[in-house]
C-alpha atoms as a PDB file:
ATOM      1  CA  MET A   1      28.030  25.310   0.796  1.00  0.00           C
ATOM      2  CA  GLU A   2      26.207  24.533  -2.446  1.00  0.00           C
ATOM      3  CA  MET A   3      28.159  21.293  -2.759  1.00  0.00           C
ATOM      4  CA  LEU A   4      27.059  20.244   0.753  1.00  0.00           C
ATOM      5  CA  VAL A   5      23.417  20.871  -0.120  1.00  0.00           C
ATOM      6  CA  LYS A   6      23.781  18.764  -3.285  1.00  0.00           C
ATOM      7  CA  MET A   7      25.446  15.989  -1.272  1.00  0.00           C
ATOM      8  CA  ASP A   8      22.636  16.097   1.316  1.00  0.00           C
ATOM      9  CA  VAL A   9      19.974  15.885  -1.408  1.00  0.00           C
ATOM     10  CA  ILE A  10      21.787  12.999  -3.091  1.00  0.00           C
ATOM     11  CA  GLY A  11      22.242  11.275   0.274  1.00  0.00           C
ATOM     12  CA  PHE A  12      18.563  11.756   1.116  1.00  0.00           C
ATOM     13  CA  LEU A  13      17.434  10.385  -2.241  1.00  0.00           C
ATOM     14  CA  SER A  14      19.749   7.391  -2.046  1.00  0.00           C
ATOM     15  CA  ASP A  15      18.532   6.662   1.511  1.00  0.00           C
ATOM     16  CA  TRP A  16      14.908   7.191   0.496  1.00  0.00           C
ATOM     17  CA  TRP A  17      15.306   4.814  -2.451  1.00  0.00           C
ATOM     18  CA  TRP A  18      15.620   1.943   0.036  1.00  0.00           C
ATOM     19  CA  LYS A  19      12.718   2.956   2.243  1.00  0.00           C
ATOM     20  CA  SER A  20       9.095   1.918   2.073  1.00  0.00           C
ATOM     21  CA  PRO A  21       6.988   3.213   0.428  1.00  0.00           C
ATOM     22  CA  SER A  22       9.351   3.351  -2.517  1.00  0.00           C
ATOM     23  CA  ILE A  23       9.525   6.018  -5.200  1.00  0.00           C
ATOM     24  CA  TRP A  24       7.805   3.563  -7.560  1.00  0.00           C
ATOM     25  CA  THR A  25       4.955   3.202  -5.095  1.00  0.00           C
ATOM     26  CA  PHE A  26       4.420   6.973  -5.018  1.00  0.00           C
ATOM     27  CA  VAL A  27       4.381   7.090  -8.825  1.00  0.00           C
ATOM     28  CA  PHE A  28       1.952   4.153  -8.895  1.00  0.00           C
ATOM     29  CA  TRP A  29      -0.354   5.865  -6.379  1.00  0.00           C
ATOM     30  CA  ALA A  30      -0.217   9.176  -8.248  1.00  0.00           C
ATOM     31  CA  VAL A  31      -1.182   7.521 -11.550  1.00  0.00           C
ATOM     32  CA  LEU A  32      -4.087   5.628  -9.983  1.00  0.00           C
ATOM     33  CA  ALA A  33      -5.287   8.708  -8.067  1.00  0.00           C
ATOM     34  CA  TYR A  34      -5.147  10.748 -11.278  1.00  0.00           C
ATOM     35  CA  TRP A  35      -7.179   8.094 -13.100  1.00  0.00           C
ATOM     36  CA  GLY A  36      -9.646   7.978 -10.194  1.00  0.00           C
ATOM     37  CA  GLY A  37      -9.929  11.760 -10.290  1.00  0.00           C
ATOM     38  CA  LYS A  38     -10.850  11.570 -13.975  1.00  0.00           C
ATOM     39  CA  GLN A  39     -13.539   9.001 -13.153  1.00  0.00           C
ATOM     40  CA  LEU A  40     -14.903  11.224 -10.392  1.00  0.00           C
ATOM     41  CA  ARG A  41     -15.070  14.282 -12.663  1.00  0.00           C
ATOM     42  CA  LYS A  42     -17.332  12.256 -14.981  1.00  0.00           C
ATOM     43  CA  ARG A  43     -19.665  11.295 -12.125  1.00  0.00           C
ATOM     44  CA  VAL A  44     -19.484  14.107  -9.544  1.00  0.00           C
ATOM     45  CA  LYS A  45     -20.157  17.816  -9.900  1.00  0.00           C
ATOM     46  CA  TYR A  46     -17.502  19.746  -7.968  1.00  0.00           C
ATOM     47  CA  ARG A  47     -18.190  23.395  -7.138  1.00  0.00           C
ATOM     48  CA  ARG A  48     -14.582  24.546  -7.324  1.00  0.00           C
ATOM     49  CA  PHE A  49     -11.069  23.238  -7.731  1.00  0.00           C
ATOM     50  CA  GLU A  50     -12.506  20.326  -9.687  1.00  0.00           C
ATOM     51  CA  ARG A  51      -9.163  18.755 -10.623  1.00  0.00           C
ATOM     52  CA  LEU A  52      -7.606  19.133  -7.181  1.00  0.00           C
ATOM     53  CA  ASN A  53     -10.664  17.897  -5.298  1.00  0.00           C
ATOM     54  CA  SER A  54     -11.259  14.964  -7.636  1.00  0.00           C
ATOM     55  CA  PHE A  55      -7.574  13.954  -7.414  1.00  0.00           C
ATOM     56  CA  THR A  56      -7.722  14.166  -3.609  1.00  0.00           C
ATOM     57  CA  ASP A  57     -10.920  12.116  -3.468  1.00  0.00           C
ATOM     58  CA  GLY A  58      -9.381   9.574  -5.859  1.00  0.00           C
ATOM     59  CA  LEU A  59      -6.374   9.414  -3.541  1.00  0.00           C
ATOM     60  CA  PHE A  60      -8.588   8.727  -0.509  1.00  0.00           C
ATOM     61  CA  ILE A  61     -10.476   6.005  -2.381  1.00  0.00           C
ATOM     62  CA  LEU A  62      -7.105   4.513  -3.270  1.00  0.00           C
ATOM     63  CA  GLY A  63      -6.028   4.924   0.361  1.00  0.00           C
ATOM     64  CA  PHE A  64      -9.026   2.876   1.437  1.00  0.00           C
ATOM     65  CA  ILE A  65      -7.930   0.041  -0.895  1.00  0.00           C
ATOM     66  CA  VAL A  66      -4.207   0.272  -0.065  1.00  0.00           C
ATOM     67  CA  LEU A  67      -4.776   0.368   3.690  1.00  0.00           C
ATOM     68  CA  THR A  68      -7.119  -2.634   3.644  1.00  0.00           C
ATOM     69  CA  CYS A  69      -4.516  -4.586   1.655  1.00  0.00           C
ATOM     70  CA  ASP A  70      -1.750  -3.408   4.004  1.00  0.00           C
ATOM     71  CA  LEU A  71      -3.803  -4.510   7.001  1.00  0.00           C
ATOM     72  CA  MET A  72      -4.029  -7.966   5.433  1.00  0.00           C
ATOM     73  CA  TRP A  73      -0.239  -7.926   4.908  1.00  0.00           C
ATOM     74  CA  VAL A  74       0.402  -6.965   8.546  1.00  0.00           C
ATOM     75  CA  LEU A  75      -1.956  -9.623   9.925  1.00  0.00           C
ATOM     76  CA  VAL A  76      -0.518 -12.370   7.710  1.00  0.00           C
ATOM     77  CA  CYS A  77       3.007 -11.232   8.612  1.00  0.00           C
ATOM     78  CA  LEU A  78       2.201 -11.337  12.332  1.00  0.00           C
ATOM     79  CA  SER A  79       0.646 -14.785  12.047  1.00  0.00           C
ATOM     80  CA  ARG A  80       3.611 -16.160  10.050  1.00  0.00           C
ATOM     81  CA  PHE A  81       6.577 -14.410  11.673  1.00  0.00           C
ATOM     82  CA  GLY A  82       5.200 -13.176  15.012  1.00  0.00           C
ATOM     83  CA  GLY A  83       7.129 -15.846  16.910  1.00  0.00           C
ATOM     84  CA  LEU A  84      10.355 -14.867  15.169  1.00  0.00           C
ATOM     85  CA  TYR A  85       9.787 -11.178  15.868  1.00  0.00           C
ATOM     86  CA  SER A  86       9.057 -11.825  19.541  1.00  0.00           C
ATOM     87  CA  SER A  87      12.251 -13.880  19.889  1.00  0.00           C
ATOM     88  CA  LEU A  88      14.300 -11.095  18.263  1.00  0.00           C
ATOM     89  CA  ASP A  89      12.796  -8.098  19.984  1.00  0.00           C
ATOM     90  CA  MET A  90       9.352  -7.437  21.447  1.00  0.00           C
ATOM     91  CA  SER A  91       9.425  -3.924  19.975  1.00  0.00           C
ATOM     92  CA  SER A  92       9.057  -5.527  16.524  1.00  0.00           C
ATOM     93  CA  ILE A  93       5.756  -7.102  17.599  1.00  0.00           C
ATOM     94  CA  TRP A  94       4.542  -3.785  18.992  1.00  0.00           C
ATOM     95  CA  GLN A  95       5.567  -2.047  15.789  1.00  0.00           C
ATOM     96  CA  MET A  96       3.435  -4.492  13.790  1.00  0.00           C
ATOM     97  CA  VAL A  97       0.499  -4.031  16.184  1.00  0.00           C
ATOM     98  CA  PHE A  98       0.787  -0.266  15.782  1.00  0.00           C
ATOM     99  CA  CYS A  99       0.925  -0.713  12.003  1.00  0.00           C
ATOM    100  CA  ALA A 100      -2.345  -2.664  12.148  1.00  0.00           C
ATOM    101  CA  PHE A 101      -3.870   0.066  14.332  1.00  0.00           C
ATOM    102  CA  ARG A 102      -2.560   2.739  11.914  1.00  0.00           C
ATOM    103  CA  ASP A 103      -4.175   0.915   9.002  1.00  0.00           C
ATOM    104  CA  LEU A 104      -7.521   0.636  10.815  1.00  0.00           C
ATOM    105  CA  VAL A 105      -7.501   4.340  11.688  1.00  0.00           C
ATOM    106  CA  GLY A 106      -6.514   5.197   8.098  1.00  0.00           C
ATOM    107  CA  ILE A 107      -9.311   3.039   6.679  1.00  0.00           C
ATOM    108  CA  LEU A 108     -11.857   4.758   8.919  1.00  0.00           C
ATOM    109  CA  PHE A 109     -10.457   8.200   8.065  1.00  0.00           C
ATOM    110  CA  CYS A 110     -10.600   7.488   4.323  1.00  0.00           C
ATOM    111  CA  PHE A 111     -14.127   6.122   4.652  1.00  0.00           C
ATOM    112  CA  LEU A 112     -15.244   9.229   6.529  1.00  0.00           C
ATOM    113  CA  LEU A 113     -13.948  11.359   3.659  1.00  0.00           C
ATOM    114  CA  ILE A 114     -15.203   9.275   0.729  1.00  0.00           C
ATOM    115  CA  GLY A 115     -17.942   7.099   2.263  1.00  0.00           C
ATOM    116  CA  ASP A 116     -20.599   9.183   0.558  1.00  0.00           C
ATOM    117  CA  TYR A 117     -19.324   7.893  -2.798  1.00  0.00           C
ATOM    118  CA  PHE A 118     -20.072   4.347  -1.626  1.00  0.00           C
ATOM    119  CA  PHE A 119     -23.575   5.312  -0.473  1.00  0.00           C
ATOM    120  CA  LYS A 120     -24.300   7.079  -3.773  1.00  0.00           C
ATOM    121  CA  GLY A 121     -23.016   4.102  -5.792  1.00  0.00           C
ATOM    122  CA  ILE A 122     -20.165   6.009  -7.433  1.00  0.00           C
ATOM    123  CA  VAL A 123     -17.796   3.323  -6.139  1.00  0.00           C
ATOM    124  CA  LYS A 124     -18.983  -0.101  -4.993  1.00  0.00           C
ATOM    125  CA  ILE A 125     -17.819  -3.063  -2.983  1.00  0.00           C
ATOM    126  CA  SER A 126     -19.197  -5.574  -5.467  1.00  0.00           C
ATOM    127  CA  LYS A 127     -18.670  -9.327  -5.596  1.00  0.00           C
ATOM    128  CA  HIS A 128     -15.761  -8.687  -8.001  1.00  0.00           C
ATOM    129  CA  VAL A 129     -14.069  -6.459  -5.411  1.00  0.00           C
ATOM    130  CA  ILE A 130     -14.571  -9.112  -2.729  1.00  0.00           C
ATOM    131  CA  ILE A 131     -13.096 -11.726  -5.070  1.00  0.00           C
ATOM    132  CA  MET A 132     -10.056  -9.491  -5.621  1.00  0.00           C
ATOM    133  CA  TYR A 133      -9.653  -9.073  -1.852  1.00  0.00           C
ATOM    134  CA  LEU A 134      -9.738 -12.875  -1.560  1.00  0.00           C
ATOM    135  CA  VAL A 135      -7.152 -13.136  -4.356  1.00  0.00           C
ATOM    136  CA  ASN A 136      -4.958 -10.715  -2.408  1.00  0.00           C
ATOM    137  CA  LEU A 137      -5.385 -12.740   0.783  1.00  0.00           C
ATOM    138  CA  VAL A 138      -4.557 -16.029  -0.962  1.00  0.00           C
ATOM    139  CA  PHE A 139      -1.519 -14.399  -2.616  1.00  0.00           C
ATOM    140  CA  LEU A 140      -0.291 -13.176   0.782  1.00  0.00           C
ATOM    141  CA  LEU A 141      -0.902 -16.520   2.483  1.00  0.00           C
ATOM    142  CA  VAL A 142       1.003 -18.434  -0.218  1.00  0.00           C
ATOM    143  CA  TRP A 143       3.819 -15.864  -0.355  1.00  0.00           C
ATOM    144  CA  PHE A 144       4.311 -15.850   3.401  1.00  0.00           C
ATOM    145  CA  TYR A 145       3.932 -19.627   3.715  1.00  0.00           C
ATOM    146  CA  LEU A 146       6.718 -20.178   1.177  1.00  0.00           C
ATOM    147  CA  ALA A 147       8.976 -17.486   2.644  1.00  0.00           C
ATOM    148  CA  PRO A 148      11.691 -18.899   4.912  1.00  0.00           C
ATOM    149  CA  SER A 149      12.170 -15.519   6.616  1.00  0.00           C
ATOM    150  CA  PRO A 150      10.640 -12.019   6.645  1.00  0.00           C
ATOM    151  CA  ALA A 151      13.348 -10.912   4.199  1.00  0.00           C
ATOM    152  CA  TRP A 152      11.517 -12.790   1.437  1.00  0.00           C
ATOM    153  CA  THR A 153       8.334 -10.786   2.037  1.00  0.00           C
ATOM    154  CA  ASP A 154       9.712  -7.381   3.088  1.00  0.00           C
ATOM    155  CA  TRP A 155      12.505  -5.936   0.996  1.00  0.00           C
ATOM    156  CA  THR A 156      13.280  -3.231   3.583  1.00  0.00           C
ATOM    157  CA  TYR A 157      13.764  -5.951   6.224  1.00  0.00           C
ATOM    158  CA  ALA A 158      16.169  -7.693   3.851  1.00  0.00           C
ATOM    159  CA  ILE A 159      18.140  -4.466   3.476  1.00  0.00           C
ATOM    160  CA  ARG A 160      18.180  -3.730   7.227  1.00  0.00           C
ATOM    161  CA  TYR A 161      19.544  -7.171   8.051  1.00  0.00           C
ATOM    162  CA  ASP A 162      22.044  -7.340   5.158  1.00  0.00           C
ATOM    163  CA  TYR A 163      20.492 -10.151   3.162  1.00  0.00           C
ATOM    164  CA  PRO A 164      21.947 -10.794  -0.300  1.00  0.00           C
ATOM    165  CA  PHE A 165      20.828  -8.402  -3.021  1.00  0.00           C
ATOM    166  CA  ILE A 166      19.005 -11.166  -4.896  1.00  0.00           C
ATOM    167  CA  ILE A 167      16.644 -11.661  -1.921  1.00  0.00           C
ATOM    168  CA  VAL A 168      16.054  -7.903  -1.716  1.00  0.00           C
ATOM    169  CA  LEU A 169      15.338  -7.827  -5.442  1.00  0.00           C
ATOM    170  CA  GLU A 170      13.007 -10.852  -5.405  1.00  0.00           C
ATOM    171  CA  SER A 171      11.035  -9.457  -2.480  1.00  0.00           C
ATOM    172  CA  PHE A 172      10.824  -6.032  -4.132  1.00  0.00           C
ATOM    173  CA  VAL A 173       9.700  -7.476  -7.477  1.00  0.00           C
ATOM    174  CA  ILE A 174       7.040  -9.721  -5.916  1.00  0.00           C
ATOM    175  CA  SER A 175       5.608  -6.884  -3.839  1.00  0.00           C
ATOM    176  CA  HIS A 176       5.875  -4.277  -6.600  1.00  0.00           C
ATOM    177  CA  ILE A 177       4.700  -6.407  -9.524  1.00  0.00           C
ATOM    178  CA  VAL A 178       2.235  -8.962  -8.158  1.00  0.00           C
ATOM    179  CA  GLY A 179       1.119  -6.967  -5.118  1.00  0.00           C
ATOM    180  CA  LYS A 180       0.699  -3.693  -6.996  1.00  0.00           C
ATOM    181  CA  ALA A 181      -1.116  -5.462  -9.844  1.00  0.00           C
ATOM    182  CA  ILE A 182      -3.673  -6.792  -7.363  1.00  0.00           C
ATOM    183  CA  VAL A 183      -4.105  -3.311  -5.845  1.00  0.00           C
ATOM    184  CA  ALA A 184      -4.527  -1.811  -9.329  1.00  0.00           C
ATOM    185  CA  VAL A 185      -7.176  -4.366 -10.299  1.00  0.00           C
ATOM    186  CA  LEU A 186      -8.960  -3.767  -6.983  1.00  0.00           C
ATOM    187  CA  TYR A 187      -8.920  -0.019  -7.570  1.00  0.00           C
ATOM    188  CA  LEU A 188     -10.170  -0.339 -11.128  1.00  0.00           C
ATOM    189  CA  THR A 189     -12.850  -2.843 -10.073  1.00  0.00           C
ATOM    190  CA  ILE A 190     -14.274  -0.629  -7.337  1.00  0.00           C
ATOM    191  CA  TRP A 191     -15.320   1.891 -10.036  1.00  0.00           C
ATOM    192  CA  ARG A 192     -17.465  -0.576 -11.978  1.00  0.00           C
ATOM    193  CA  SER A 193     -21.091   0.470 -12.204  1.00  0.00           C
END
């Protein structure tokens, strides 16, 4: 019985390794949320559970950034590969539409929870943040324009449709190095006073 449980855990972890968001993404988010929590503790007086509440607020501020960038990704993906998705299966188009809707709802939810920090000037959408959003958009437009198929922009798509490992790796590295670097700079920039 114990061996079966170990096999299930190993199977789950090996399956999860190839899913999005990846383990590296969760680590990345946790580090940024922790850093954001430290910034909030310097600027906000919490009544109780200071570390937990500041970490959670930092996570929702990060969620606001991540979801806006993901919405850009979904819209650029739909504009570039929407015709391909509709020729393969209309459910793929609907899935992308629901992803865009999910991102919009998530952005609104995050803003409802942390919007007060924007109004108080603890975090700001400054011209530097807008420039970083434009950098992200240009990066996505160039990346998707150069990509011959969705496998080059979505490593989980490449895995699902059995593309060569090198394509999976290139897509993963571009999204997890360049894409995450842009998100990190955006997150760090939003805290500037």
